[in-house]
PDB file of N, CA and C in Angstrom:
ATOM      1  N   MET A   1      -2.659  71.148  -3.105  1.00  0.00           N
ATOM      2  CA  MET A   1      -2.087  70.019  -3.793  1.00  0.00           C
ATOM      3  C   MET A   1      -2.540  68.762  -3.009  1.00  0.00           C
ATOM      4  N   ASN A   2      -2.603  68.866  -1.732  1.00  0.00           N
ATOM      5  CA  ASN A   2      -2.962  67.542  -1.014  1.00  0.00           C
ATOM      6  C   ASN A   2      -4.239  67.077  -1.295  1.00  0.00           C
ATOM      7  N   LYS A   3      -5.199  68.222  -1.351  1.00  0.00           N
ATOM      8  CA  LYS A   3      -6.611  67.779  -1.702  1.00  0.00           C
ATOM      9  C   LYS A   3      -6.669  67.087  -3.009  1.00  0.00           C
ATOM     10  N   ALA A   4      -6.094  67.667  -4.039  1.00  0.00           N
ATOM     11  CA  ALA A   4      -6.067  66.856  -5.262  1.00  0.00           C
ATOM     12  C   ALA A   4      -5.538  65.433  -5.209  1.00  0.00           C
ATOM     13  N   LYS A   5      -4.429  65.341  -4.657  1.00  0.00           N
ATOM     14  CA  LYS A   5      -4.000  63.911  -4.505  1.00  0.00           C
ATOM     15  C   LYS A   5      -4.956  62.983  -3.760  1.00  0.00           C
ATOM     16  N   MET A   6      -5.438  63.537  -2.649  1.00  0.00           N
ATOM     17  CA  MET A   6      -6.394  62.651  -2.040  1.00  0.00           C
ATOM     18  C   MET A   6      -7.637  62.433  -2.839  1.00  0.00           C
ATOM     19  N   MET A   7      -8.310  63.388  -3.668  1.00  0.00           N
ATOM     20  CA  MET A   7      -9.399  63.005  -4.500  1.00  0.00           C
ATOM     21  C   MET A   7      -8.838  62.037  -5.537  1.00  0.00           C
ATOM     22  N   LEU A   8      -7.679  62.111  -6.023  1.00  0.00           N
ATOM     23  CA  LEU A   8      -7.264  61.006  -7.233  1.00  0.00           C
ATOM     24  C   LEU A   8      -7.133  59.607  -6.455  1.00  0.00           C
ATOM     25  N   LEU A   9      -6.726  59.644  -5.234  1.00  0.00           N
ATOM     26  CA  LEU A   9      -6.487  58.278  -4.437  1.00  0.00           C
ATOM     27  C   LEU A   9      -7.856  57.744  -4.270  1.00  0.00           C
ATOM     28  N   CYS A  10      -8.775  58.537  -3.828  1.00  0.00           N
ATOM     29  CA  CYS A  10     -10.167  58.105  -3.607  1.00  0.00           C
ATOM     30  C   CYS A  10     -10.864  57.490  -4.725  1.00  0.00           C
ATOM     31  N   ALA A  11     -10.722  58.327  -5.958  1.00  0.00           N
ATOM     32  CA  ALA A  11     -11.188  57.913  -7.193  1.00  0.00           C
ATOM     33  C   ALA A  11     -10.695  56.626  -7.552  1.00  0.00           C
ATOM     34  N   ALA A  12      -9.395  56.401  -7.353  1.00  0.00           N
ATOM     35  CA  ALA A  12      -8.574  55.211  -7.886  1.00  0.00           C
ATOM     36  C   ALA A  12      -9.127  54.129  -7.085  1.00  0.00           C
ATOM     37  N   VAL A  13      -9.364  54.256  -5.771  1.00  0.00           N
ATOM     38  CA  VAL A  13      -9.635  53.181  -4.897  1.00  0.00           C
ATOM     39  C   VAL A  13     -11.336  52.767  -5.245  1.00  0.00           C
ATOM     40  N   LEU A  14     -12.050  53.600  -5.571  1.00  0.00           N
ATOM     41  CA  LEU A  14     -13.514  53.413  -5.929  1.00  0.00           C
ATOM     42  C   LEU A  14     -13.386  52.526  -7.226  1.00  0.00           C
ATOM     43  N   LEU A  15     -12.606  53.014  -8.301  1.00  0.00           N
ATOM     44  CA  LEU A  15     -12.463  52.403  -9.619  1.00  0.00           C
ATOM     45  C   LEU A  15     -11.918  51.222  -9.571  1.00  0.00           C
ATOM     46  N   LEU A  16     -11.013  50.729  -8.635  1.00  0.00           N
ATOM     47  CA  LEU A  16     -10.368  49.556  -8.584  1.00  0.00           C
ATOM     48  C   LEU A  16     -11.036  48.620  -7.651  1.00  0.00           C
ATOM     49  N   ALA A  17     -11.988  48.854  -6.785  1.00  0.00           N
ATOM     50  CA  ALA A  17     -12.568  47.989  -5.954  1.00  0.00           C
ATOM     51  C   ALA A  17     -13.826  47.700  -6.637  1.00  0.00           C
ATOM     52  N   GLY A  18     -13.868  46.349  -7.173  1.00  0.00           N
ATOM     53  CA  GLY A  18     -14.915  45.862  -7.781  1.00  0.00           C
ATOM     54  C   GLY A  18     -15.643  44.999  -7.020  1.00  0.00           C
ATOM     55  N   CYS A  19     -16.911  45.006  -7.177  1.00  0.00           N
ATOM     56  CA  CYS A  19     -17.851  43.912  -6.459  1.00  0.00           C
ATOM     57  C   CYS A  19     -18.603  43.260  -7.681  1.00  0.00           C
ATOM     58  N   THR A  20     -18.642  41.902  -7.432  1.00  0.00           N
ATOM     59  CA  THR A  20     -19.425  41.131  -8.324  1.00  0.00           C
ATOM     60  C   THR A  20     -20.660  40.466  -7.745  1.00  0.00           C
ATOM     61  N   LYS A  21     -21.683  40.326  -8.689  1.00  0.00           N
ATOM     62  CA  LYS A  21     -23.018  39.685  -8.225  1.00  0.00           C
ATOM     63  C   LYS A  21     -22.746  38.468  -7.629  1.00  0.00           C
ATOM     64  N   THR A  22     -23.535  37.992  -6.667  1.00  0.00           N
ATOM     65  CA  THR A  22     -23.425  36.700  -5.905  1.00  0.00           C
ATOM     66  C   THR A  22     -23.998  35.689  -7.234  1.00  0.00           C
ATOM     67  N   PRO A  23     -23.110  34.592  -7.210  1.00  0.00           N
ATOM     68  CA  PRO A  23     -23.748  33.642  -8.314  1.00  0.00           C
ATOM     69  C   PRO A  23     -25.081  33.003  -7.891  1.00  0.00           C
ATOM     70  N   GLU A  24     -25.781  32.750  -8.854  1.00  0.00           N
ATOM     71  CA  GLU A  24     -27.095  32.104  -8.816  1.00  0.00           C
ATOM     72  C   GLU A  24     -27.037  30.639  -8.527  1.00  0.00           C
ATOM     73  N   LYS A  25     -25.893  30.091  -9.240  1.00  0.00           N
ATOM     74  CA  LYS A  25     -25.772  28.613  -9.113  1.00  0.00           C
ATOM     75  C   LYS A  25     -24.749  28.295  -8.068  1.00  0.00           C
ATOM     76  N   ASP A  26     -24.566  27.101  -7.558  1.00  0.00           N
ATOM     77  CA  ASP A  26     -23.561  26.648  -6.574  1.00  0.00           C
ATOM     78  C   ASP A  26     -22.286  26.580  -7.430  1.00  0.00           C
ATOM     79  N   VAL A  27     -21.174  26.997  -6.666  1.00  0.00           N
ATOM     80  CA  VAL A  27     -19.713  26.780  -7.535  1.00  0.00           C
ATOM     81  C   VAL A  27     -19.730  25.515  -7.509  1.00  0.00           C
ATOM     82  N   VAL A  28     -19.703  24.582  -6.681  1.00  0.00           N
ATOM     83  CA  VAL A  28     -19.505  23.298  -6.564  1.00  0.00           C
ATOM     84  C   VAL A  28     -20.614  22.513  -7.046  1.00  0.00           C
ATOM     85  N   VAL A  29     -20.581  21.877  -7.983  1.00  0.00           N
ATOM     86  CA  VAL A  29     -21.691  21.055  -8.622  1.00  0.00           C
ATOM     87  C   VAL A  29     -21.553  19.663  -8.304  1.00  0.00           C
ATOM     88  N   GLN A  30     -22.866  18.942  -8.175  1.00  0.00           N
ATOM     89  CA  GLN A  30     -22.926  17.750  -7.787  1.00  0.00           C
ATOM     90  C   GLN A  30     -22.512  16.915  -9.098  1.00  0.00           C
ATOM     91  N   LYS A  31     -21.331  16.271  -9.021  1.00  0.00           N
ATOM     92  CA  LYS A  31     -20.711  15.588 -10.095  1.00  0.00           C
ATOM     93  C   LYS A  31     -21.033  14.003 -10.160  1.00  0.00           C
ATOM     94  N   ASN A  32     -21.872  13.518 -10.930  1.00  0.00           N
ATOM     95  CA  ASN A  32     -22.314  12.302 -11.274  1.00  0.00           C
ATOM     96  C   ASN A  32     -22.462  11.376  -9.991  1.00  0.00           C
ATOM     97  N   THR A  33     -23.709  12.078  -9.179  1.00  0.00           N
ATOM     98  CA  THR A  33     -23.849  11.221  -7.767  1.00  0.00           C
ATOM     99  C   THR A  33     -24.420  10.089  -8.085  1.00  0.00           C
ATOM    100  N   GLU A  34     -25.363   9.854  -9.126  1.00  0.00           N
ATOM    101  CA  GLU A  34     -26.139   8.599  -9.463  1.00  0.00           C
ATOM    102  C   GLU A  34     -24.921   7.472  -9.785  1.00  0.00           C
ATOM    103  N   ALA A  35     -23.839   7.729 -10.424  1.00  0.00           N
ATOM    104  CA  ALA A  35     -22.848   6.816 -10.915  1.00  0.00           C
ATOM    105  C   ALA A  35     -22.056   6.401  -9.253  1.00  0.00           C
ATOM    106  N   LEU A  36     -21.891   7.299  -8.356  1.00  0.00           N
ATOM    107  CA  LEU A  36     -21.148   6.909  -7.261  1.00  0.00           C
ATOM    108  C   LEU A  36     -22.102   6.078  -6.248  1.00  0.00           C
ATOM    109  N   VAL A  37     -23.398   6.467  -6.354  1.00  0.00           N
ATOM    110  CA  VAL A  37     -24.540   5.454  -5.561  1.00  0.00           C
ATOM    111  C   VAL A  37     -24.498   4.049  -6.169  1.00  0.00           C
ATOM    112  N   SER A  38     -24.561   3.918  -7.448  1.00  0.00           N
ATOM    113  CA  SER A  38     -24.645   2.698  -8.170  1.00  0.00           C
ATOM    114  C   SER A  38     -23.364   1.957  -7.849  1.00  0.00           C
ATOM    115  N   LYS A  39     -22.312   2.573  -7.916  1.00  0.00           N
ATOM    116  CA  LYS A  39     -20.942   1.967  -7.752  1.00  0.00           C
ATOM    117  C   LYS A  39     -20.986   1.346  -6.243  1.00  0.00           C
ATOM    118  N   ALA A  40     -21.464   2.076  -5.266  1.00  0.00           N
ATOM    119  CA  ALA A  40     -21.333   1.563  -3.981  1.00  0.00           C
ATOM    120  C   ALA A  40     -22.337   0.595  -3.784  1.00  0.00           C
ATOM    121  N   ALA A  41     -23.410   0.416  -4.554  1.00  0.00           N
ATOM    122  CA  ALA A  41     -24.469  -0.561  -4.281  1.00  0.00           C
ATOM    123  C   ALA A  41     -24.096  -2.012  -5.038  1.00  0.00           C
ATOM    124  N   VAL A  42     -23.145  -1.842  -5.935  1.00  0.00           N
ATOM    125  CA  VAL A  42     -22.678  -3.079  -6.666  1.00  0.00           C
ATOM    126  C   VAL A  42     -21.703  -3.948  -5.919  1.00  0.00           C
ATOM    127  N   GLU A  43     -21.923  -5.191  -6.009  1.00  0.00           N
ATOM    128  CA  GLU A  43     -21.025  -6.179  -5.395  1.00  0.00           C
ATOM    129  C   GLU A  43     -19.722  -5.963  -6.248  1.00  0.00           C
ATOM    130  N   ASP A  44     -18.654  -6.256  -5.366  1.00  0.00           N
ATOM    131  CA  ASP A  44     -17.400  -6.438  -5.925  1.00  0.00           C
ATOM    132  C   ASP A  44     -16.442  -7.448  -5.453  1.00  0.00           C
ATOM    133  N   GLU A  45     -15.765  -8.172  -6.307  1.00  0.00           N
ATOM    134  CA  GLU A  45     -15.037  -9.336  -5.805  1.00  0.00           C
ATOM    135  C   GLU A  45     -14.021  -8.772  -4.726  1.00  0.00           C
ATOM    136  N   ASN A  46     -13.502  -7.492  -4.701  1.00  0.00           N
ATOM    137  CA  ASN A  46     -12.637  -7.169  -3.665  1.00  0.00           C
ATOM    138  C   ASN A  46     -13.224  -6.889  -2.350  1.00  0.00           C
ATOM    139  N   ARG A  47     -14.647  -6.544  -2.303  1.00  0.00           N
ATOM    140  CA  ARG A  47     -15.291  -6.112  -1.087  1.00  0.00           C
ATOM    141  C   ARG A  47     -15.550  -7.675  -0.231  1.00  0.00           C
ATOM    142  N   LYS A  48     -15.490  -7.660   0.902  1.00  0.00           N
ATOM    143  CA  LYS A  48     -15.762  -8.691   1.785  1.00  0.00           C
ATOM    144  C   LYS A  48     -16.949  -8.240   2.675  1.00  0.00           C
ATOM    145  N   PRO A  49     -17.799  -9.204   3.059  1.00  0.00           N
ATOM    146  CA  PRO A  49     -18.889  -8.833   4.075  1.00  0.00           C
ATOM    147  C   PRO A  49     -18.261  -8.373   5.341  1.00  0.00           C
ATOM    148  N   LEU A  50     -19.115  -7.677   6.165  1.00  0.00           N
ATOM    149  CA  LEU A  50     -18.632  -7.313   7.433  1.00  0.00           C
ATOM    150  C   LEU A  50     -18.284  -8.489   8.421  1.00  0.00           C
ATOM    151  N   ALA A  51     -18.928  -9.644   8.114  1.00  0.00           N
ATOM    152  CA  ALA A  51     -18.761 -10.812   9.116  1.00  0.00           C
ATOM    153  C   ALA A  51     -17.273 -11.165   8.875  1.00  0.00           C
ATOM    154  N   GLU A  52     -16.654 -11.130   7.734  1.00  0.00           N
ATOM    155  CA  GLU A  52     -15.340 -11.425   7.437  1.00  0.00           C
ATOM    156  C   GLU A  52     -14.303 -10.516   7.830  1.00  0.00           C
ATOM    157  N   ASN A  53     -14.810  -9.128   7.821  1.00  0.00           N
ATOM    158  CA  ASN A  53     -13.988  -7.993   8.282  1.00  0.00           C
ATOM    159  C   ASN A  53     -13.868  -7.771   9.791  1.00  0.00           C
ATOM    160  N   ARG A  54     -14.948  -8.319  10.351  1.00  0.00           N
ATOM    161  CA  ARG A  54     -15.025  -8.407  11.881  1.00  0.00           C
ATOM    162  C   ARG A  54     -13.918  -8.916  12.671  1.00  0.00           C
ATOM    163  N   GLU A  55     -13.274 -10.046  11.987  1.00  0.00           N
ATOM    164  CA  GLU A  55     -12.019 -10.769  12.559  1.00  0.00           C
ATOM    165  C   GLU A  55     -10.801  -9.819  12.627  1.00  0.00           C
ATOM    166  N   LYS A  56     -10.636  -8.901  11.701  1.00  0.00           N
ATOM    167  CA  LYS A  56      -9.485  -8.185  11.685  1.00  0.00           C
ATOM    168  C   LYS A  56      -9.482  -6.910  12.313  1.00  0.00           C
ATOM    169  N   VAL A  57     -10.724  -6.443  12.782  1.00  0.00           N
ATOM    170  CA  VAL A  57     -10.935  -5.093  13.269  1.00  0.00           C
ATOM    171  C   VAL A  57     -10.159  -5.031  14.726  1.00  0.00           C
ATOM    172  N   PRO A  58      -9.420  -3.913  15.029  1.00  0.00           N
ATOM    173  CA  PRO A  58      -8.879  -3.717  16.371  1.00  0.00           C
ATOM    174  C   PRO A  58     -10.004  -3.143  17.174  1.00  0.00           C
ATOM    175  N   GLU A  59      -9.861  -3.475  18.497  1.00  0.00           N
ATOM    176  CA  GLU A  59     -10.711  -2.914  19.470  1.00  0.00           C
ATOM    177  C   GLU A  59     -10.572  -1.390  19.586  1.00  0.00           C
ATOM    178  N   HIS A  60      -9.309  -0.846  19.525  1.00  0.00           N
ATOM    179  CA  HIS A  60      -8.904   0.531  19.597  1.00  0.00           C
ATOM    180  C   HIS A  60      -8.162   0.987  18.503  1.00  0.00           C
ATOM    181  N   TYR A  61      -8.699   2.324  17.894  1.00  0.00           N
ATOM    182  CA  TYR A  61      -7.901   2.965  16.962  1.00  0.00           C
ATOM    183  C   TYR A  61      -7.270   4.219  17.306  1.00  0.00           C
ATOM    184  N   SER A  62      -6.089   4.357  17.029  1.00  0.00           N
ATOM    185  CA  SER A  62      -5.174   5.534  17.503  1.00  0.00           C
ATOM    186  C   SER A  62      -4.458   5.946  16.210  1.00  0.00           C
ATOM    187  N   TRP A  63      -4.522   7.290  16.069  1.00  0.00           N
ATOM    188  CA  TRP A  63      -3.857   7.969  14.821  1.00  0.00           C
ATOM    189  C   TRP A  63      -3.381   9.399  15.247  1.00  0.00           C
ATOM    190  N   SER A  64      -2.081   9.768  14.863  1.00  0.00           N
ATOM    191  CA  SER A  64      -1.580  10.973  15.084  1.00  0.00           C
ATOM    192  C   SER A  64      -1.069  11.492  13.719  1.00  0.00           C
ATOM    193  N   TYR A  65      -1.062  12.835  13.632  1.00  0.00           N
ATOM    194  CA  TYR A  65      -0.658  13.743  12.425  1.00  0.00           C
ATOM    195  C   TYR A  65       0.058  14.962  13.012  1.00  0.00           C
ATOM    196  N   ASP A  66       1.214  15.277  12.129  1.00  0.00           N
ATOM    197  CA  ASP A  66       1.733  16.439  12.383  1.00  0.00           C
ATOM    198  C   ASP A  66       2.023  16.973  11.096  1.00  0.00           C
ATOM    199  N   ASN A  67       1.807  18.363  10.604  1.00  0.00           N
ATOM    200  CA  ASN A  67       2.228  18.830   9.342  1.00  0.00           C
ATOM    201  C   ASN A  67       3.661  19.316   9.221  1.00  0.00           C
ATOM    202  N   SER A  68       4.368  19.418   8.078  1.00  0.00           N
ATOM    203  CA  SER A  68       5.677  19.617   8.052  1.00  0.00           C
ATOM    204  C   SER A  68       6.088  21.010   8.566  1.00  0.00           C
ATOM    205  N   ALA A  69       5.149  21.790   8.660  1.00  0.00           N
ATOM    206  CA  ALA A  69       5.347  23.200   9.376  1.00  0.00           C
ATOM    207  C   ALA A  69       5.467  23.232  10.882  1.00  0.00           C
ATOM    208  N   GLY A  70       4.960  22.202  11.530  1.00  0.00           N
ATOM    209  CA  GLY A  70       4.766  22.033  12.803  1.00  0.00           C
ATOM    210  C   GLY A  70       3.635  23.006  13.409  1.00  0.00           C
ATOM    211  N   THR A  71       2.733  23.405  12.617  1.00  0.00           N
ATOM    212  CA  THR A  71       1.706  24.253  13.221  1.00  0.00           C
ATOM    213  C   THR A  71       0.449  23.437  13.425  1.00  0.00           C
ATOM    214  N   VAL A  72       0.467  22.183  12.855  1.00  0.00           N
ATOM    215  CA  VAL A  72      -0.852  21.506  13.296  1.00  0.00           C
ATOM    216  C   VAL A  72      -0.565  20.225  13.936  1.00  0.00           C
ATOM    217  N   HIS A  73      -1.236  19.863  14.838  1.00  0.00           N
ATOM    218  CA  HIS A  73      -0.946  18.542  15.627  1.00  0.00           C
ATOM    219  C   HIS A  73      -2.398  17.960  15.935  1.00  0.00           C
ATOM    220  N   ILE A  74      -2.608  16.803  15.296  1.00  0.00           N
ATOM    221  CA  ILE A  74      -4.074  16.093  15.593  1.00  0.00           C
ATOM    222  C   ILE A  74      -3.757  14.692  16.214  1.00  0.00           C
ATOM    223  N   ASP A  75      -4.541  14.307  17.258  1.00  0.00           N
ATOM    224  CA  ASP A  75      -4.477  13.037  17.917  1.00  0.00           C
ATOM    225  C   ASP A  75      -5.855  12.450  17.624  1.00  0.00           C
ATOM    226  N   ALA A  76      -5.978  11.251  17.460  1.00  0.00           N
ATOM    227  CA  ALA A  76      -7.252  10.596  17.377  1.00  0.00           C
ATOM    228  C   ALA A  76      -7.137   9.289  18.185  1.00  0.00           C
ATOM    229  N   GLU A  77      -8.121   9.052  19.237  1.00  0.00           N
ATOM    230  CA  GLU A  77      -8.150   8.073  19.914  1.00  0.00           C
ATOM    231  C   GLU A  77      -9.602   7.511  20.033  1.00  0.00           C
ATOM    232  N   ALA A  78     -10.053   6.518  19.539  1.00  0.00           N
ATOM    233  CA  ALA A  78     -11.560   5.950  19.467  1.00  0.00           C
ATOM    234  C   ALA A  78     -11.540   4.486  19.658  1.00  0.00           C
ATOM    235  N   ASP A  79     -12.587   3.983  20.401  1.00  0.00           N
ATOM    236  CA  ASP A  79     -12.858   2.489  20.431  1.00  0.00           C
ATOM    237  C   ASP A  79     -13.650   2.240  19.287  1.00  0.00           C
ATOM    238  N   VAL A  80     -13.485   0.966  18.595  1.00  0.00           N
ATOM    239  CA  VAL A  80     -14.053   0.485  17.399  1.00  0.00           C
ATOM    240  C   VAL A  80     -15.132  -0.443  17.544  1.00  0.00           C
ATOM    241  N   ALA A  81     -16.367  -0.057  17.205  1.00  0.00           N
ATOM    242  CA  ALA A  81     -17.476  -1.055  17.482  1.00  0.00           C
ATOM    243  C   ALA A  81     -18.148  -1.130  16.053  1.00  0.00           C
ATOM    244  N   LEU A  82     -18.116  -2.380  15.314  1.00  0.00           N
ATOM    245  CA  LEU A  82     -18.908  -2.477  14.038  1.00  0.00           C
ATOM    246  C   LEU A  82     -20.314  -2.618  14.447  1.00  0.00           C
ATOM    247  N   PRO A  83     -21.200  -2.294  13.389  1.00  0.00           N
ATOM    248  CA  PRO A  83     -22.594  -2.769  13.596  1.00  0.00           C
ATOM    249  C   PRO A  83     -22.772  -4.186  13.608  1.00  0.00           C
ATOM    250  N   GLU A  84     -24.043  -4.712  14.193  1.00  0.00           N
ATOM    251  CA  GLU A  84     -24.411  -6.148  13.996  1.00  0.00           C
ATOM    252  C   GLU A  84     -24.940  -6.491  12.712  1.00  0.00           C
ATOM    253  N   SER A  85     -25.218  -5.550  11.821  1.00  0.00           N
ATOM    254  CA  SER A  85     -25.811  -5.856  10.465  1.00  0.00           C
ATOM    255  C   SER A  85     -24.755  -6.379   9.611  1.00  0.00           C
ATOM    256  N   GLU A  86     -25.281  -6.816   8.382  1.00  0.00           N
ATOM    257  CA  GLU A  86     -24.408  -7.278   7.569  1.00  0.00           C
ATOM    258  C   GLU A  86     -24.074  -6.260   6.342  1.00  0.00           C
ATOM    259  N   ALA A  87     -24.752  -5.257   6.296  1.00  0.00           N
ATOM    260  CA  ALA A  87     -24.664  -4.165   5.330  1.00  0.00           C
ATOM    261  C   ALA A  87     -24.624  -2.848   6.309  1.00  0.00           C
ATOM    262  N   ILE A  88     -23.946  -1.795   5.622  1.00  0.00           N
ATOM    263  CA  ILE A  88     -23.920  -0.503   6.082  1.00  0.00           C
ATOM    264  C   ILE A  88     -24.881   0.504   5.309  1.00  0.00           C
ATOM    265  N   PRO A  89     -25.792   1.191   6.078  1.00  0.00           N
ATOM    266  CA  PRO A  89     -26.636   2.024   5.338  1.00  0.00           C
ATOM    267  C   PRO A  89     -25.977   3.150   4.902  1.00  0.00           C
ATOM    268  N   MET A  90     -26.577   3.666   3.580  1.00  0.00           N
ATOM    269  CA  MET A  90     -26.165   4.714   2.928  1.00  0.00           C
ATOM    270  C   MET A  90     -26.995   5.817   2.857  1.00  0.00           C
ATOM    271  N   TYR A  91     -26.658   7.248   3.101  1.00  0.00           N
ATOM    272  CA  TYR A  91     -27.667   8.235   3.110  1.00  0.00           C
ATOM    273  C   TYR A  91     -27.137   9.449   2.246  1.00  0.00           C
ATOM    274  N   ARG A  92     -27.940   9.957   1.608  1.00  0.00           N
ATOM    275  CA  ARG A  92     -27.706  11.072   0.677  1.00  0.00           C
ATOM    276  C   ARG A  92     -28.019  12.251   1.410  1.00  0.00           C
ATOM    277  N   LEU A  93     -27.030  13.261   1.380  1.00  0.00           N
ATOM    278  CA  LEU A  93     -27.300  14.457   2.310  1.00  0.00           C
ATOM    279  C   LEU A  93     -27.127  15.712   1.205  1.00  0.00           C
ATOM    280  N   SER A  94     -27.861  16.717   1.661  1.00  0.00           N
ATOM    281  CA  SER A  94     -27.588  17.856   0.824  1.00  0.00           C
ATOM    282  C   SER A  94     -27.232  19.137   1.892  1.00  0.00           C
ATOM    283  N   SER A  95     -26.466  20.079   1.384  1.00  0.00           N
ATOM    284  CA  SER A  95     -26.119  21.072   2.365  1.00  0.00           C
ATOM    285  C   SER A  95     -26.728  22.349   1.767  1.00  0.00           C
ATOM    286  N   VAL A  96     -27.183  23.270   2.815  1.00  0.00           N
ATOM    287  CA  VAL A  96     -27.882  24.527   2.748  1.00  0.00           C
ATOM    288  C   VAL A  96     -26.939  25.627   3.563  1.00  0.00           C
ATOM    289  N   GLY A  97     -27.067  26.789   3.323  1.00  0.00           N
ATOM    290  CA  GLY A  97     -26.243  27.716   3.887  1.00  0.00           C
ATOM    291  C   GLY A  97     -27.136  28.223   5.123  1.00  0.00           C
ATOM    292  N   PHE A  98     -26.482  28.837   5.839  1.00  0.00           N
ATOM    293  CA  PHE A  98     -26.920  29.648   7.224  1.00  0.00           C
ATOM    294  C   PHE A  98     -27.588  30.948   6.755  1.00  0.00           C
ATOM    295  N   THR A  99     -28.994  31.067   7.537  1.00  0.00           N
ATOM    296  CA  THR A  99     -29.708  32.255   7.363  1.00  0.00           C
ATOM    297  C   THR A  99     -28.932  33.363   8.131  1.00  0.00           C
ATOM    298  N   GLN A 100     -29.265  34.583   7.937  1.00  0.00           N
ATOM    299  CA  GLN A 100     -28.693  35.656   8.810  1.00  0.00           C
ATOM    300  C   GLN A 100     -29.210  35.581  10.161  1.00  0.00           C
ATOM    301  N   GLU A 101     -30.416  35.219  10.300  1.00  0.00           N
ATOM    302  CA  GLU A 101     -31.001  34.884  11.742  1.00  0.00           C
ATOM    303  C   GLU A 101     -30.337  33.966  12.608  1.00  0.00           C
ATOM    304  N   GLN A 102     -29.898  32.663  11.882  1.00  0.00           N
ATOM    305  CA  GLN A 102     -29.211  31.861  12.486  1.00  0.00           C
ATOM    306  C   GLN A 102     -27.806  32.226  12.873  1.00  0.00           C
ATOM    307  N   VAL A 103     -27.251  32.998  11.977  1.00  0.00           N
ATOM    308  CA  VAL A 103     -25.926  33.394  12.187  1.00  0.00           C
ATOM    309  C   VAL A 103     -25.799  34.326  13.710  1.00  0.00           C
ATOM    310  N   THR A 104     -26.799  35.227  13.710  1.00  0.00           N
ATOM    311  CA  THR A 104     -26.928  36.189  14.755  1.00  0.00           C
ATOM    312  C   THR A 104     -27.401  35.487  15.900  1.00  0.00           C
TER     313      THR A 104
END
């Protein structure tokens, strides 16, 4: 009787354990990247040049965070240094996965 139950249990596990094929396309799709880039490049009346913002920048930045459960605590302490240029360069990055060789 135990053998029959064990066989039924193994068959149920094999039938219920489903594996799916790895997706060929990325799950997260680049959404309207060109619009974001063009928006960042367009002048806006609310944006100020770095020279104007330089006067209001603190020399030191401090930030602390605790989640409501009390399991995460983050402290950030950094000296602030603005670049000497009038514009901040933008770069487009793309991500790639790790190969098994890199992981091992």
